[in-house]
Amino acid sequence: MKKETGKTAQEHIHLFVIEKAKNRLLNSSNSISEIGYHLGFAYPQHFSNLFKSKTGLSPSEYRKN
């Protein structure tokens, strides 16, 4: 996959999960923890850390903007 796209499979999965998270953050009233759990994260902090590393914003900052 990396040869074809320049990104690893894990990077593609992370991008897919982040897009789902963005959609849920903007279109639902669920808590950030609930969204993280729904996306398969065992710990909300792992979700928040990944989200911030990929977008530059925390999930709550993204929701506010």
C-alpha atoms as a PDB file:
ATOM      1  CA  MET A   1       0.000   0.000   0.000  1.00  0.00           C
ATOM      2  CA  LYS A   2       2.839   2.374   0.805  1.00  0.00           C
ATOM      3  CA  LYS A   3       4.276   1.952  -2.707  1.00  0.00           C
ATOM      4  CA  GLU A   4       0.967   2.927  -4.303  1.00  0.00           C
ATOM      5  CA  THR A   5      -0.088   5.797  -2.034  1.00  0.00           C
ATOM      6  CA  GLY A   6       2.961   6.850  -0.078  1.00  0.00           C
ATOM      7  CA  LYS A   7       1.128   6.133   3.183  1.00  0.00           C
ATOM      8  CA  THR A   8       1.083   3.051   5.358  1.00  0.00           C
ATOM      9  CA  ALA A   9      -2.078   1.087   6.033  1.00  0.00           C
ATOM     10  CA  GLN A  10      -2.102   2.466   9.574  1.00  0.00           C
ATOM     11  CA  GLU A  11      -1.962   6.044   8.254  1.00  0.00           C
ATOM     12  CA  HIS A  12      -4.941   5.355   5.981  1.00  0.00           C
ATOM     13  CA  ILE A  13      -6.887   3.859   8.894  1.00  0.00           C
ATOM     14  CA  HIS A  14      -6.080   6.867  11.078  1.00  0.00           C
ATOM     15  CA  LEU A  15      -7.226   9.278   8.376  1.00  0.00           C
ATOM     16  CA  PHE A  16     -10.470   7.315   7.959  1.00  0.00           C
ATOM     17  CA  VAL A  17     -11.104   7.327  11.726  1.00  0.00           C
ATOM     18  CA  ILE A  18     -10.344  11.053  11.982  1.00  0.00           C
ATOM     19  CA  GLU A  19     -12.827  11.844   9.197  1.00  0.00           C
ATOM     20  CA  LYS A  20     -15.503   9.805  11.000  1.00  0.00           C
ATOM     21  CA  ALA A  21     -14.634  11.599  14.247  1.00  0.00           C
ATOM     22  CA  LYS A  22     -14.902  15.030  12.623  1.00  0.00           C
ATOM     23  CA  ASN A  23     -18.330  14.160  11.279  1.00  0.00           C
ATOM     24  CA  ARG A  24     -19.538  12.905  14.665  1.00  0.00           C
ATOM     25  CA  LEU A  25     -18.093  15.873  16.533  1.00  0.00           C
ATOM     26  CA  LEU A  26     -19.981  18.305  14.331  1.00  0.00           C
ATOM     27  CA  ASN A  27     -23.207  16.347  13.877  1.00  0.00           C
ATOM     28  CA  SER A  28     -23.928  14.773  17.243  1.00  0.00           C
ATOM     29  CA  SER A  29     -24.295  15.825  20.844  1.00  0.00           C
ATOM     30  CA  ASN A  30     -22.406  12.776  22.128  1.00  0.00           C
ATOM     31  CA  SER A  31     -19.532  13.434  24.477  1.00  0.00           C
ATOM     32  CA  ILE A  32     -15.992  13.197  23.179  1.00  0.00           C
ATOM     33  CA  SER A  33     -15.517  10.060  25.291  1.00  0.00           C
ATOM     34  CA  GLU A  34     -18.599   8.450  23.732  1.00  0.00           C
ATOM     35  CA  ILE A  35     -17.355   9.251  20.246  1.00  0.00           C
ATOM     36  CA  GLY A  36     -13.962   7.778  21.062  1.00  0.00           C
ATOM     37  CA  TYR A  37     -15.522   4.596  22.445  1.00  0.00           C
ATOM     38  CA  HIS A  38     -17.803   4.315  19.412  1.00  0.00           C
ATOM     39  CA  LEU A  39     -14.788   4.574  17.107  1.00  0.00           C
ATOM     40  CA  GLY A  40     -13.091   1.689  18.899  1.00  0.00           C
ATOM     41  CA  PHE A  41     -10.796   3.432  21.368  1.00  0.00           C
ATOM     42  CA  ALA A  42     -10.573   1.768  24.778  1.00  0.00           C
ATOM     43  CA  TYR A  43      -9.475   5.023  26.408  1.00  0.00           C
ATOM     44  CA  PRO A  44     -10.785   8.495  25.512  1.00  0.00           C
ATOM     45  CA  GLN A  45      -7.299   9.966  25.960  1.00  0.00           C
ATOM     46  CA  HIS A  46      -5.946   7.786  23.125  1.00  0.00           C
ATOM     47  CA  PHE A  47      -8.670   9.130  20.844  1.00  0.00           C
ATOM     48  CA  SER A  48      -7.952  12.726  21.871  1.00  0.00           C
ATOM     49  CA  ASN A  49      -4.199  12.295  21.392  1.00  0.00           C
ATOM     50  CA  LEU A  50      -4.588  10.797  17.912  1.00  0.00           C
ATOM     51  CA  PHE A  51      -7.105  13.461  16.904  1.00  0.00           C
ATOM     52  CA  LYS A  52      -4.832  16.283  18.047  1.00  0.00           C
ATOM     53  CA  SER A  53      -1.766  14.764  16.390  1.00  0.00           C
ATOM     54  CA  LYS A  54      -3.575  14.526  13.040  1.00  0.00           C
ATOM     55  CA  THR A  55      -5.559  17.786  13.073  1.00  0.00           C
ATOM     56  CA  GLY A  56      -3.619  20.111  15.360  1.00  0.00           C
ATOM     57  CA  LEU A  57      -6.756  20.653  17.462  1.00  0.00           C
ATOM     58  CA  SER A  58      -8.223  18.767  20.351  1.00  0.00           C
ATOM     59  CA  PRO A  59     -11.661  17.241  19.716  1.00  0.00           C
ATOM     60  CA  SER A  60     -13.310  19.899  21.897  1.00  0.00           C
ATOM     61  CA  GLU A  61     -11.486  22.710  20.059  1.00  0.00           C
ATOM     62  CA  TYR A  62     -12.565  21.236  16.728  1.00  0.00           C
ATOM     63  CA  ARG A  63     -16.183  21.023  17.888  1.00  0.00           C
ATOM     64  CA  LYS A  64     -16.165  24.671  19.002  1.00  0.00           C
ATOM     65  CA  ASN A  65     -14.747  25.896  15.703  1.00  0.00           C
END
